[in-house]
Amino acid sequence: IEECAIREVEEETGVEGLKIENFLKTTYHIFQRNGIYKLKEVH
């Protein structure tokens, strides 16, 4: 999960040299892809 968080921030923003300080929380939302509801769990 930590590697994913760093990679995604780098890919989406171009920011490098990221250091994780601590876990904040997990959020949940429903989205639709190809007519199917999915549950997104974001750490």
PDB file of all heavy atoms in Angstrom:
ATOM      1  N   ILE A   1       0.846  -1.208   0.000  1.00  0.00           N
ATOM      2  CA  ILE A   1       0.000   0.000   0.000  1.00  0.00           C
ATOM      3  C   ILE A   1       0.880   1.257   0.000  1.00  0.00           C
ATOM      4  O   ILE A   1       0.609   2.221  -0.709  1.00  0.00           O
ATOM      5  CB  ILE A   1      -0.944  -0.016   1.238  1.00  0.00           C
ATOM      6  CG1 ILE A   1      -1.978  -1.146   1.126  1.00  0.00           C
ATOM      7  CG2 ILE A   1      -1.619   1.315   1.447  1.00  0.00           C
ATOM      8  CD1 ILE A   1      -3.080  -0.922   0.120  1.00  0.00           C
ATOM      9  N   GLU A   2       1.957   1.233   0.782  1.00  0.00           N
ATOM     10  CA  GLU A   2       2.858   2.392   0.863  1.00  0.00           C
ATOM     11  C   GLU A   2       3.548   2.653  -0.477  1.00  0.00           C
ATOM     12  O   GLU A   2       3.655   3.804  -0.910  1.00  0.00           O
ATOM     13  CB  GLU A   2       3.918   2.187   1.962  1.00  0.00           C
ATOM     14  CG  GLU A   2       3.372   2.188   3.375  1.00  0.00           C
ATOM     15  CD  GLU A   2       2.782   0.849   3.844  1.00  0.00           C
ATOM     16  OE1 GLU A   2       2.736  -0.118   3.049  1.00  0.00           O
ATOM     17  OE2 GLU A   2       2.351   0.778   4.990  1.00  0.00           O
ATOM     18  N   GLU A   3       4.036   1.589  -1.123  1.00  0.00           N
ATOM     19  CA  GLU A   3       4.684   1.738  -2.446  1.00  0.00           C
ATOM     20  C   GLU A   3       3.700   2.313  -3.453  1.00  0.00           C
ATOM     21  O   GLU A   3       4.061   3.176  -4.265  1.00  0.00           O
ATOM     22  CB  GLU A   3       5.192   0.381  -2.945  1.00  0.00           C
ATOM     23  CG  GLU A   3       6.408  -0.146  -2.218  1.00  0.00           C
ATOM     24  CD  GLU A   3       6.700  -1.632  -2.476  1.00  0.00           C
ATOM     25  OE1 GLU A   3       5.839  -2.356  -3.040  1.00  0.00           O
ATOM     26  OE2 GLU A   3       7.790  -2.063  -2.095  1.00  0.00           O
ATOM     27  N   CYS A   4       2.459   1.850  -3.400  1.00  0.00           N
ATOM     28  CA  CYS A   4       1.418   2.346  -4.301  1.00  0.00           C
ATOM     29  C   CYS A   4       1.197   3.841  -4.088  1.00  0.00           C
ATOM     30  O   CYS A   4       1.140   4.614  -5.038  1.00  0.00           O
ATOM     31  CB  CYS A   4       0.118   1.571  -4.061  1.00  0.00           C
ATOM     32  SG  CYS A   4      -1.313   2.265  -4.909  1.00  0.00           S
ATOM     33  N   ALA A   5       1.080   4.250  -2.829  1.00  0.00           N
ATOM     34  CA  ALA A   5       0.823   5.664  -2.515  1.00  0.00           C
ATOM     35  C   ALA A   5       1.927   6.552  -3.092  1.00  0.00           C
ATOM     36  O   ALA A   5       1.649   7.550  -3.759  1.00  0.00           O
ATOM     37  CB  ALA A   5       0.708   5.852  -1.003  1.00  0.00           C
ATOM     38  N   ILE A   6       3.183   6.161  -2.877  1.00  0.00           N
ATOM     39  CA  ILE A   6       4.316   6.959  -3.375  1.00  0.00           C
ATOM     40  C   ILE A   6       4.331   6.960  -4.904  1.00  0.00           C
ATOM     41  O   ILE A   6       4.465   8.017  -5.532  1.00  0.00           O
ATOM     42  CB  ILE A   6       5.647   6.448  -2.779  1.00  0.00           C
ATOM     43  CG1 ILE A   6       5.721   6.881  -1.304  1.00  0.00           C
ATOM     44  CG2 ILE A   6       6.841   6.965  -3.567  1.00  0.00           C
ATOM     45  CD1 ILE A   6       6.888   6.334  -0.533  1.00  0.00           C
ATOM     46  N   ARG A   7       4.171   5.802  -5.521  1.00  0.00           N
ATOM     47  CA  ARG A   7       4.198   5.716  -6.994  1.00  0.00           C
ATOM     48  C   ARG A   7       3.105   6.575  -7.610  1.00  0.00           C
ATOM     49  O   ARG A   7       3.336   7.334  -8.551  1.00  0.00           O
ATOM     50  CB  ARG A   7       4.035   4.250  -7.443  1.00  0.00           C
ATOM     51  CG  ARG A   7       3.967   4.089  -8.964  1.00  0.00           C
ATOM     52  CD  ARG A   7       3.700   2.661  -9.387  1.00  0.00           C
ATOM     53  NE  ARG A   7       2.527   2.062  -8.795  1.00  0.00           N
ATOM     54  CZ  ARG A   7       1.257   2.330  -9.156  1.00  0.00           C
ATOM     55  NH1 ARG A   7       1.000   3.215 -10.094  1.00  0.00           N
ATOM     56  NH2 ARG A   7       0.240   1.719  -8.568  1.00  0.00           N
ATOM     57  N   GLU A   8       1.889   6.466  -7.074  1.00  0.00           N
ATOM     58  CA  GLU A   8       0.768   7.220  -7.641  1.00  0.00           C
ATOM     59  C   GLU A   8       0.975   8.731  -7.517  1.00  0.00           C
ATOM     60  O   GLU A   8       0.697   9.476  -8.447  1.00  0.00           O
ATOM     61  CB  GLU A   8      -0.558   6.797  -6.988  1.00  0.00           C
ATOM     62  CG  GLU A   8      -1.073   5.469  -7.500  1.00  0.00           C
ATOM     63  CD  GLU A   8      -1.533   5.493  -8.956  1.00  0.00           C
ATOM     64  OE1 GLU A   8      -1.750   6.572  -9.536  1.00  0.00           O
ATOM     65  OE2 GLU A   8      -1.686   4.399  -9.531  1.00  0.00           O
ATOM     66  N   VAL A   9       1.461   9.187  -6.371  1.00  0.00           N
ATOM     67  CA  VAL A   9       1.715  10.628  -6.206  1.00  0.00           C
ATOM     68  C   VAL A   9       2.766  11.077  -7.220  1.00  0.00           C
ATOM     69  O   VAL A   9       2.594  12.101  -7.887  1.00  0.00           O
ATOM     70  CB  VAL A   9       2.139  10.973  -4.755  1.00  0.00           C
ATOM     71  CG1 VAL A   9       2.609  12.425  -4.659  1.00  0.00           C
ATOM     72  CG2 VAL A   9       0.996  10.726  -3.778  1.00  0.00           C
ATOM     73  N   GLU A  10       3.853  10.292  -7.366  1.00  0.00           N
ATOM     74  CA  GLU A  10       4.901  10.645  -8.335  1.00  0.00           C
ATOM     75  C   GLU A  10       4.344  10.699  -9.758  1.00  0.00           C
ATOM     76  O   GLU A  10       4.594  11.656 -10.489  1.00  0.00           O
ATOM     77  CB  GLU A  10       6.050   9.626  -8.273  1.00  0.00           C
ATOM     78  CG  GLU A  10       6.919   9.785  -7.049  1.00  0.00           C
ATOM     79  CD  GLU A  10       8.011   8.715  -6.935  1.00  0.00           C
ATOM     80  OE1 GLU A  10       7.987   7.717  -7.704  1.00  0.00           O
ATOM     81  OE2 GLU A  10       8.886   8.884  -6.066  1.00  0.00           O
ATOM     82  N   GLU A  11       3.581   9.653 -10.158  1.00  0.00           N
ATOM     83  CA  GLU A  11       3.046   9.589 -11.526  1.00  0.00           C
ATOM     84  C   GLU A  11       2.062  10.724 -11.808  1.00  0.00           C
ATOM     85  O   GLU A  11       2.087  11.311 -12.889  1.00  0.00           O
ATOM     86  CB  GLU A  11       2.328   8.252 -11.754  1.00  0.00           C
ATOM     87  CG  GLU A  11       3.254   7.075 -11.906  1.00  0.00           C
ATOM     88  CD  GLU A  11       2.513   5.734 -12.007  1.00  0.00           C
ATOM     89  OE1 GLU A  11       1.260   5.708 -12.042  1.00  0.00           O
ATOM     90  OE2 GLU A  11       3.202   4.713 -12.052  1.00  0.00           O
ATOM     91  N   GLU A  12       1.201  11.026 -10.839  1.00  0.00           N
ATOM     92  CA  GLU A  12       0.146  12.007 -11.102  1.00  0.00           C
ATOM     93  C   GLU A  12       0.610  13.457 -11.007  1.00  0.00           C
ATOM     94  O   GLU A  12      -0.038  14.344 -11.544  1.00  0.00           O
ATOM     95  CB  GLU A  12      -1.045  11.772 -10.157  1.00  0.00           C
ATOM     96  CG  GLU A  12      -1.775  10.477 -10.470  1.00  0.00           C
ATOM     97  CD  GLU A  12      -3.149  10.350  -9.841  1.00  0.00           C
ATOM     98  OE1 GLU A  12      -3.482  11.114  -8.898  1.00  0.00           O
ATOM     99  OE2 GLU A  12      -3.909   9.490 -10.287  1.00  0.00           O
ATOM    100  N   THR A  13       1.746  13.698 -10.309  1.00  0.00           N
ATOM    101  CA  THR A  13       2.143  15.088 -10.061  1.00  0.00           C
ATOM    102  C   THR A  13       3.561  15.443 -10.496  1.00  0.00           C
ATOM    103  O   THR A  13       3.896  16.622 -10.582  1.00  0.00           O
ATOM    104  CB  THR A  13       2.043  15.409  -8.552  1.00  0.00           C
ATOM    105  OG1 THR A  13       3.035  14.627  -7.857  1.00  0.00           O
ATOM    106  CG2 THR A  13       0.655  15.129  -8.012  1.00  0.00           C
ATOM    107  N   GLY A  14       4.410  14.436 -10.705  1.00  0.00           N
ATOM    108  CA  GLY A  14       5.809  14.705 -11.033  1.00  0.00           C
ATOM    109  C   GLY A  14       6.681  14.973  -9.816  1.00  0.00           C
ATOM    110  O   GLY A  14       7.880  15.211  -9.931  1.00  0.00           O
ATOM    111  N   VAL A  15       6.098  14.945  -8.625  1.00  0.00           N
ATOM    112  CA  VAL A  15       6.848  15.215  -7.392  1.00  0.00           C
ATOM    113  C   VAL A  15       7.679  13.989  -7.015  1.00  0.00           C
ATOM    114  O   VAL A  15       7.200  12.864  -7.080  1.00  0.00           O
ATOM    115  CB  VAL A  15       5.888  15.609  -6.240  1.00  0.00           C
ATOM    116  CG1 VAL A  15       6.626  15.680  -4.908  1.00  0.00           C
ATOM    117  CG2 VAL A  15       5.230  16.942  -6.544  1.00  0.00           C
ATOM    118  N   GLU A  16       8.932  14.231  -6.621  1.00  0.00           N
ATOM    119  CA  GLU A  16       9.831  13.139  -6.237  1.00  0.00           C
ATOM    120  C   GLU A  16      10.332  13.348  -4.808  1.00  0.00           C
ATOM    121  O   GLU A  16      10.057  14.378  -4.201  1.00  0.00           O
ATOM    122  CB  GLU A  16      11.020  13.091  -7.205  1.00  0.00           C
ATOM    123  CG  GLU A  16      10.609  12.716  -8.615  1.00  0.00           C
ATOM    124  CD  GLU A  16      11.711  12.961  -9.645  1.00  0.00           C
ATOM    125  OE1 GLU A  16      12.802  13.430  -9.254  1.00  0.00           O
ATOM    126  OE2 GLU A  16      11.457  12.687 -10.824  1.00  0.00           O
ATOM    127  N   GLY A  17      11.080  12.367  -4.318  1.00  0.00           N
ATOM    128  CA  GLY A  17      11.669  12.472  -2.977  1.00  0.00           C
ATOM    129  C   GLY A  17      10.624  12.426  -1.881  1.00  0.00           C
ATOM    130  O   GLY A  17      10.744  13.110  -0.862  1.00  0.00           O
ATOM    131  N   LEU A  18       9.597  11.609  -2.073  1.00  0.00           N
ATOM    132  CA  LEU A  18       8.504  11.524  -1.098  1.00  0.00           C
ATOM    133  C   LEU A  18       8.870  10.611   0.068  1.00  0.00           C
ATOM    134  O   LEU A  18       9.439   9.544  -0.126  1.00  0.00           O
ATOM    135  CB  LEU A  18       7.245  10.977  -1.783  1.00  0.00           C
ATOM    136  CG  LEU A  18       6.658  11.863  -2.877  1.00  0.00           C
ATOM    137  CD1 LEU A  18       5.749  11.051  -3.785  1.00  0.00           C
ATOM    138  CD2 LEU A  18       5.894  13.028  -2.265  1.00  0.00           C
ATOM    139  N   LYS A  19       8.514  11.050   1.264  1.00  0.00           N
ATOM    140  CA  LYS A  19       8.714  10.223   2.459  1.00  0.00           C
ATOM    141  C   LYS A  19       7.386  10.131   3.199  1.00  0.00           C
ATOM    142  O   LYS A  19       6.763  11.157   3.483  1.00  0.00           O
ATOM    143  CB  LYS A  19       9.754  10.859   3.373  1.00  0.00           C
ATOM    144  CG  LYS A  19      11.139  10.860   2.764  1.00  0.00           C
ATOM    145  CD  LYS A  19      12.218  10.965   3.812  1.00  0.00           C
ATOM    146  CE  LYS A  19      13.625  10.892   3.275  1.00  0.00           C
ATOM    147  NZ  LYS A  19      13.848  11.122   1.888  1.00  0.00           N
ATOM    148  N   ILE A  20       6.982   8.899   3.500  1.00  0.00           N
ATOM    149  CA  ILE A  20       5.744   8.711   4.267  1.00  0.00           C
ATOM    150  C   ILE A  20       6.028   9.010   5.731  1.00  0.00           C
ATOM    151  O   ILE A  20       6.992   8.498   6.305  1.00  0.00           O
ATOM    152  CB  ILE A  20       5.188   7.281   4.084  1.00  0.00           C
ATOM    153  CG1 ILE A  20       4.648   7.116   2.662  1.00  0.00           C
ATOM    154  CG2 ILE A  20       4.122   6.975   5.133  1.00  0.00           C
ATOM    155  CD1 ILE A  20       4.053   5.757   2.341  1.00  0.00           C
ATOM    156  N   GLU A  21       5.185   9.855   6.324  1.00  0.00           N
ATOM    157  CA  GLU A  21       5.323  10.164   7.754  1.00  0.00           C
ATOM    158  C   GLU A  21       4.447   9.240   8.583  1.00  0.00           C
ATOM    159  O   GLU A  21       4.883   8.699   9.577  1.00  0.00           O
ATOM    160  CB  GLU A  21       4.925  11.615   8.010  1.00  0.00           C
ATOM    161  CG  GLU A  21       5.895  12.591   7.391  1.00  0.00           C
ATOM    162  CD  GLU A  21       5.696  13.973   7.947  1.00  0.00           C
ATOM    163  OE1 GLU A  21       4.567  14.487   7.881  1.00  0.00           O
ATOM    164  OE2 GLU A  21       6.681  14.525   8.463  1.00  0.00           O
ATOM    165  N   ASN A  22       3.173   9.121   8.181  1.00  0.00           N
ATOM    166  CA  ASN A  22       2.263   8.240   8.916  1.00  0.00           C
ATOM    167  C   ASN A  22       1.002   7.971   8.102  1.00  0.00           C
ATOM    168  O   ASN A  22       0.720   8.670   7.136  1.00  0.00           O
ATOM    169  CB  ASN A  22       1.892   8.840  10.285  1.00  0.00           C
ATOM    170  CG  ASN A  22       1.233  10.195  10.158  1.00  0.00           C
ATOM    171  OD1 ASN A  22       1.869  11.170   9.806  1.00  0.00           O
ATOM    172  ND2 ASN A  22      -0.056  10.260  10.432  1.00  0.00           N
ATOM    173  N   PHE A  23       0.294   6.942   8.531  1.00  0.00           N
ATOM    174  CA  PHE A  23      -0.990   6.603   7.922  1.00  0.00           C
ATOM    175  C   PHE A  23      -2.027   7.577   8.463  1.00  0.00           C
ATOM    176  O   PHE A  23      -2.028   7.888   9.652  1.00  0.00           O
ATOM    177  CB  PHE A  23      -1.369   5.156   8.293  1.00  0.00           C
ATOM    178  CG  PHE A  23      -2.766   4.784   7.910  1.00  0.00           C
ATOM    179  CD1 PHE A  23      -3.085   4.513   6.589  1.00  0.00           C
ATOM    180  CD2 PHE A  23      -3.775   4.736   8.870  1.00  0.00           C
ATOM    181  CE1 PHE A  23      -4.381   4.183   6.222  1.00  0.00           C
ATOM    182  CE2 PHE A  23      -5.072   4.406   8.509  1.00  0.00           C
ATOM    183  CZ  PHE A  23      -5.369   4.129   7.192  1.00  0.00           C
ATOM    184  N   LEU A  24      -2.916   8.068   7.592  1.00  0.00           N
ATOM    185  CA  LEU A  24      -3.957   9.002   8.028  1.00  0.00           C
ATOM    186  C   LEU A  24      -5.281   8.288   8.281  1.00  0.00           C
ATOM    187  O   LEU A  24      -5.762   8.226   9.389  1.00  0.00           O
ATOM    188  CB  LEU A  24      -4.156  10.115   6.987  1.00  0.00           C
ATOM    189  CG  LEU A  24      -3.005  11.089   6.851  1.00  0.00           C
ATOM    190  CD1 LEU A  24      -3.195  11.988   5.651  1.00  0.00           C
ATOM    191  CD2 LEU A  24      -2.862  11.913   8.131  1.00  0.00           C
ATOM    192  N   LYS A  25      -5.883   7.778   7.206  1.00  0.00           N
ATOM    193  CA  LYS A  25      -7.136   7.040   7.337  1.00  0.00           C
ATOM    194  C   LYS A  25      -7.483   6.377   6.029  1.00  0.00           C
ATOM    195  O   LYS A  25      -6.829   6.601   5.022  1.00  0.00           O
ATOM    196  CB  LYS A  25      -8.272   7.928   7.841  1.00  0.00           C
ATOM    197  CG  LYS A  25      -8.660   9.084   6.925  1.00  0.00           C
ATOM    198  CD  LYS A  25      -9.875   9.860   7.406  1.00  0.00           C
ATOM    199  CE  LYS A  25      -9.801  10.235   8.859  1.00  0.00           C
ATOM    200  NZ  LYS A  25     -10.803  11.079   9.393  1.00  0.00           N
ATOM    201  N   THR A  26      -8.536   5.580   6.066  1.00  0.00           N
ATOM    202  CA  THR A  26      -9.032   4.911   4.867  1.00  0.00           C
ATOM    203  C   THR A  26     -10.399   5.489   4.552  1.00  0.00           C
ATOM    204  O   THR A  26     -11.227   5.637   5.452  1.00  0.00           O
ATOM    205  CB  THR A  26      -9.136   3.385   5.110  1.00  0.00           C
ATOM    206  OG1 THR A  26      -7.839   2.908   5.500  1.00  0.00           O
ATOM    207  CG2 THR A  26      -9.560   2.656   3.855  1.00  0.00           C
ATOM    208  N   THR A  27     -10.606   5.845   3.290  1.00  0.00           N
ATOM    209  CA  THR A  27     -11.913   6.362   2.863  1.00  0.00           C
ATOM    210  C   THR A  27     -12.511   5.386   1.849  1.00  0.00           C
ATOM    211  O   THR A  27     -11.794   4.607   1.226  1.00  0.00           O
ATOM    212  CB  THR A  27     -11.792   7.766   2.222  1.00  0.00           C
ATOM    213  OG1 THR A  27     -10.937   7.688   1.072  1.00  0.00           O
ATOM    214  CG2 THR A  27     -11.257   8.788   3.219  1.00  0.00           C
ATOM    215  N   TYR A  28     -13.828   5.471   1.713  1.00  0.00           N
ATOM    216  CA  TYR A  28     -14.555   4.571   0.818  1.00  0.00           C
ATOM    217  C   TYR A  28     -15.537   5.361  -0.031  1.00  0.00           C
ATOM    218  O   TYR A  28     -16.205   6.265   0.469  1.00  0.00           O
ATOM    219  CB  TYR A  28     -15.359   3.541   1.629  1.00  0.00           C
ATOM    220  CG  TYR A  28     -14.504   2.661   2.502  1.00  0.00           C
ATOM    221  CD1 TYR A  28     -14.191   3.035   3.801  1.00  0.00           C
ATOM    222  CD2 TYR A  28     -13.995   1.458   2.023  1.00  0.00           C
ATOM    223  CE1 TYR A  28     -13.395   2.233   4.607  1.00  0.00           C
ATOM    224  CE2 TYR A  28     -13.199   0.647   2.825  1.00  0.00           C
ATOM    225  CZ  TYR A  28     -12.906   1.035   4.109  1.00  0.00           C
ATOM    226  OH  TYR A  28     -12.114   0.245   4.894  1.00  0.00           O
ATOM    227  N   HIS A  29     -15.634   4.997  -1.311  1.00  0.00           N
ATOM    228  CA  HIS A  29     -16.697   5.554  -2.153  1.00  0.00           C
ATOM    229  C   HIS A  29     -17.043   4.561  -3.257  1.00  0.00           C
ATOM    230  O   HIS A  29     -16.264   3.679  -3.594  1.00  0.00           O
ATOM    231  CB  HIS A  29     -16.346   6.938  -2.713  1.00  0.00           C
ATOM    232  CG  HIS A  29     -15.230   6.946  -3.702  1.00  0.00           C
ATOM    233  ND1 HIS A  29     -13.907   7.005  -3.351  1.00  0.00           N
ATOM    234  CD2 HIS A  29     -15.237   6.906  -5.060  1.00  0.00           C
ATOM    235  CE1 HIS A  29     -13.154   7.006  -4.425  1.00  0.00           C
ATOM    236  NE2 HIS A  29     -13.922   6.933  -5.489  1.00  0.00           N
ATOM    237  N   ILE A  30     -18.257   4.726  -3.783  1.00  0.00           N
ATOM    238  CA  ILE A  30     -18.743   3.871  -4.864  1.00  0.00           C
ATOM    239  C   ILE A  30     -18.564   4.621  -6.174  1.00  0.00           C
ATOM    240  O   ILE A  30     -18.869   5.805  -6.261  1.00  0.00           O
ATOM    241  CB  ILE A  30     -20.257   3.558  -4.670  1.00  0.00           C
ATOM    242  CG1 ILE A  30     -20.517   2.845  -3.337  1.00  0.00           C
ATOM    243  CG2 ILE A  30     -20.817   2.775  -5.858  1.00  0.00           C
ATOM    244  CD1 ILE A  30     -20.279   1.374  -3.288  1.00  0.00           C
ATOM    245  N   PHE A  31     -18.057   3.930  -7.183  1.00  0.00           N
ATOM    246  CA  PHE A  31     -17.991   4.507  -8.528  1.00  0.00           C
ATOM    247  C   PHE A  31     -18.495   3.466  -9.512  1.00  0.00           C
ATOM    248  O   PHE A  31     -18.673   2.305  -9.160  1.00  0.00           O
ATOM    249  CB  PHE A  31     -16.567   4.983  -8.858  1.00  0.00           C
ATOM    250  CG  PHE A  31     -15.557   3.877  -9.027  1.00  0.00           C
ATOM    251  CD1 PHE A  31     -15.162   3.468 -10.297  1.00  0.00           C
ATOM    252  CD2 PHE A  31     -14.996   3.237  -7.927  1.00  0.00           C
ATOM    253  CE1 PHE A  31     -14.222   2.457 -10.460  1.00  0.00           C
ATOM    254  CE2 PHE A  31     -14.051   2.219  -8.082  1.00  0.00           C
ATOM    255  CZ  PHE A  31     -13.676   1.825  -9.357  1.00  0.00           C
ATOM    256  N   GLN A  32     -18.737   3.907 -10.715  1.00  0.00           N
ATOM    257  CA  GLN A  32     -19.273   3.004 -11.727  1.00  0.00           C
ATOM    258  C   GLN A  32     -18.284   2.879 -12.873  1.00  0.00           C
ATOM    259  O   GLN A  32     -17.768   3.877 -13.366  1.00  0.00           O
ATOM    260  CB  GLN A  32     -20.609   3.562 -12.239  1.00  0.00           C
ATOM    261  CG  GLN A  32     -21.559   2.495 -12.670  1.00  0.00           C
ATOM    262  CD  GLN A  32     -22.965   3.061 -12.935  1.00  0.00           C
ATOM    263  OE1 GLN A  32     -23.191   4.256 -12.855  1.00  0.00           O
ATOM    264  NE2 GLN A  32     -23.886   2.205 -13.256  1.00  0.00           N
ATOM    265  N   ARG A  33     -17.987   1.647 -13.276  1.00  0.00           N
ATOM    266  CA  ARG A  33     -17.116   1.400 -14.413  1.00  0.00           C
ATOM    267  C   ARG A  33     -17.815   0.372 -15.295  1.00  0.00           C
ATOM    268  O   ARG A  33     -18.187  -0.689 -14.816  1.00  0.00           O
ATOM    269  CB  ARG A  33     -15.788   0.875 -13.860  1.00  0.00           C
ATOM    270  CG  ARG A  33     -14.600   0.770 -14.712  1.00  0.00           C
ATOM    271  CD  ARG A  33     -13.925   1.976 -15.331  1.00  0.00           C
ATOM    272  NE  ARG A  33     -13.891   3.282 -14.732  1.00  0.00           N
ATOM    273  CZ  ARG A  33     -12.993   3.744 -13.903  1.00  0.00           C
ATOM    274  NH1 ARG A  33     -12.023   2.995 -13.468  1.00  0.00           N
ATOM    275  NH2 ARG A  33     -13.035   4.981 -13.479  1.00  0.00           N
ATOM    276  N   ASN A  34     -18.045   0.724 -16.556  1.00  0.00           N
ATOM    277  CA  ASN A  34     -18.726  -0.165 -17.514  1.00  0.00           C
ATOM    278  C   ASN A  34     -20.060  -0.690 -16.964  1.00  0.00           C
ATOM    279  O   ASN A  34     -20.371  -1.868 -17.076  1.00  0.00           O
ATOM    280  CB  ASN A  34     -17.827  -1.352 -17.904  1.00  0.00           C
ATOM    281  CG  ASN A  34     -16.491  -0.887 -18.460  1.00  0.00           C
ATOM    282  OD1 ASN A  34     -16.424   0.131 -19.140  1.00  0.00           O
ATOM    283  ND2 ASN A  34     -15.432  -1.611 -18.171  1.00  0.00           N
ATOM    284  N   GLY A  35     -20.808   0.206 -16.318  1.00  0.00           N
ATOM    285  CA  GLY A  35     -22.135  -0.155 -15.810  1.00  0.00           C
ATOM    286  C   GLY A  35     -22.127  -0.971 -14.530  1.00  0.00           C
ATOM    287  O   GLY A  35     -23.174  -1.362 -14.024  1.00  0.00           O
ATOM    288  N   ILE A  36     -20.935  -1.218 -13.961  1.00  0.00           N
ATOM    289  CA  ILE A  36     -20.849  -2.021 -12.725  1.00  0.00           C
ATOM    290  C   ILE A  36     -20.382  -1.124 -11.582  1.00  0.00           C
ATOM    291  O   ILE A  36     -19.396  -0.393 -11.700  1.00  0.00           O
ATOM    292  CB  ILE A  36     -19.850  -3.196 -12.910  1.00  0.00           C
ATOM    293  CG1 ILE A  36     -20.382  -4.161 -13.972  1.00  0.00           C
ATOM    294  CG2 ILE A  36     -19.600  -3.930 -11.595  1.00  0.00           C
ATOM    295  CD1 ILE A  36     -19.374  -5.147 -14.474  1.00  0.00           C
ATOM    296  N   TYR A  37     -21.119  -1.187 -10.460  1.00  0.00           N
ATOM    297  CA  TYR A  37     -20.704  -0.440  -9.270  1.00  0.00           C
ATOM    298  C   TYR A  37     -19.501  -1.120  -8.641  1.00  0.00           C
ATOM    299  O   TYR A  37     -19.443  -2.338  -8.537  1.00  0.00           O
ATOM    300  CB  TYR A  37     -21.838  -0.375  -8.246  1.00  0.00           C
ATOM    301  CG  TYR A  37     -22.982   0.505  -8.669  1.00  0.00           C
ATOM    302  CD1 TYR A  37     -24.266  -0.005  -8.757  1.00  0.00           C
ATOM    303  CD2 TYR A  37     -22.781   1.851  -8.972  1.00  0.00           C
ATOM    304  CE1 TYR A  37     -25.333   0.795  -9.150  1.00  0.00           C
ATOM    305  CE2 TYR A  37     -23.839   2.660  -9.360  1.00  0.00           C
ATOM    306  CZ  TYR A  37     -25.112   2.137  -9.449  1.00  0.00           C
ATOM    307  OH  TYR A  37     -26.152   2.927  -9.827  1.00  0.00           O
ATOM    308  N   LYS A  38     -18.540  -0.288  -8.205  1.00  0.00           N
ATOM    309  CA  LYS A  38     -17.368  -0.810  -7.513  1.00  0.00           C
ATOM    310  C   LYS A  38     -17.131   0.012  -6.257  1.00  0.00           C
ATOM    311  O   LYS A  38     -17.493   1.187  -6.198  1.00  0.00           O
ATOM    312  CB  LYS A  38     -16.139  -0.740  -8.416  1.00  0.00           C
ATOM    313  CG  LYS A  38     -16.294  -1.632  -9.633  1.00  0.00           C
ATOM    314  CD  LYS A  38     -15.019  -1.797 -10.392  1.00  0.00           C
ATOM    315  CE  LYS A  38     -15.259  -2.765 -11.538  1.00  0.00           C
ATOM    316  NZ  LYS A  38     -14.040  -3.194 -12.153  1.00  0.00           N
ATOM    317  N   LEU A  39     -16.532  -0.637  -5.270  1.00  0.00           N
ATOM    318  CA  LEU A  39     -16.205   0.020  -4.013  1.00  0.00           C
ATOM    319  C   LEU A  39     -14.728   0.368  -4.015  1.00  0.00           C
ATOM    320  O   LEU A  39     -13.884  -0.514  -4.141  1.00  0.00           O
ATOM    321  CB  LEU A  39     -16.516  -0.937  -2.838  1.00  0.00           C
ATOM    322  CG  LEU A  39     -16.057  -0.486  -1.451  1.00  0.00           C
ATOM    323  CD1 LEU A  39     -16.785   0.788  -1.025  1.00  0.00           C
ATOM    324  CD2 LEU A  39     -16.293  -1.594  -0.438  1.00  0.00           C
ATOM    325  N   LYS A  40     -14.417   1.667  -3.920  1.00  0.00           N
ATOM    326  CA  LYS A  40     -13.006   2.062  -3.870  1.00  0.00           C
ATOM    327  C   LYS A  40     -12.621   2.338  -2.420  1.00  0.00           C
ATOM    328  O   LYS A  40     -13.246   3.129  -1.733  1.00  0.00           O
ATOM    329  CB  LYS A  40     -12.726   3.285  -4.740  1.00  0.00           C
ATOM    330  CG  LYS A  40     -11.219   3.568  -4.812  1.00  0.00           C
ATOM    331  CD  LYS A  40     -10.871   4.659  -5.783  1.00  0.00           C
ATOM    332  CE  LYS A  40     -10.461   4.079  -7.120  1.00  0.00           C
ATOM    333  NZ  LYS A  40      -9.985   5.121  -8.031  1.00  0.00           N
ATOM    334  N   GLU A  41     -11.582   1.624  -1.990  1.00  0.00           N
ATOM    335  CA  GLU A  41     -11.022   1.772  -0.652  1.00  0.00           C
ATOM    336  C   GLU A  41      -9.683   2.466  -0.831  1.00  0.00           C
ATOM    337  O   GLU A  41      -8.785   1.912  -1.463  1.00  0.00           O
ATOM    338  CB  GLU A  41     -10.838   0.372  -0.063  1.00  0.00           C
ATOM    339  CG  GLU A  41     -10.129   0.318   1.267  1.00  0.00           C
ATOM    340  CD  GLU A  41      -9.942  -1.126   1.723  1.00  0.00           C
ATOM    341  OE1 GLU A  41      -9.065  -1.834   1.154  1.00  0.00           O
ATOM    342  OE2 GLU A  41     -10.677  -1.538   2.622  1.00  0.00           O
ATOM    343  N   VAL A  42      -9.573   3.710  -0.318  1.00  0.00           N
ATOM    344  CA  VAL A  42      -8.332   4.470  -0.500  1.00  0.00           C
ATOM    345  C   VAL A  42      -7.627   4.632   0.848  1.00  0.00           C
ATOM    346  O   VAL A  42      -8.201   5.146   1.797  1.00  0.00           O
ATOM    347  CB  VAL A  42      -8.596   5.871  -1.112  1.00  0.00           C
ATOM    348  CG1 VAL A  42      -7.267   6.588  -1.398  1.00  0.00           C
ATOM    349  CG2 VAL A  42      -9.428   5.782  -2.383  1.00  0.00           C
ATOM    350  N   HIS A  43      -6.385   4.171   0.892  1.00  0.00           N
ATOM    351  CA  HIS A  43      -5.543   4.302   2.087  1.00  0.00           C
ATOM    352  C   HIS A  43      -4.712   5.577   1.928  1.00  0.00           C
ATOM    353  O   HIS A  43      -3.940   5.688   0.971  1.00  0.00           O
ATOM    354  CB  HIS A  43      -4.630   3.078   2.235  1.00  0.00           C
ATOM    355  CG  HIS A  43      -5.393   1.800   2.330  1.00  0.00           C
ATOM    356  ND1 HIS A  43      -5.831   1.285   3.525  1.00  0.00           N
ATOM    357  CD2 HIS A  43      -5.833   0.952   1.373  1.00  0.00           C
ATOM    358  CE1 HIS A  43      -6.497   0.158   3.298  1.00  0.00           C
ATOM    359  NE2 HIS A  43      -6.515  -0.057   2.001  1.00  0.00           N
TER     360      HIS A  43
END
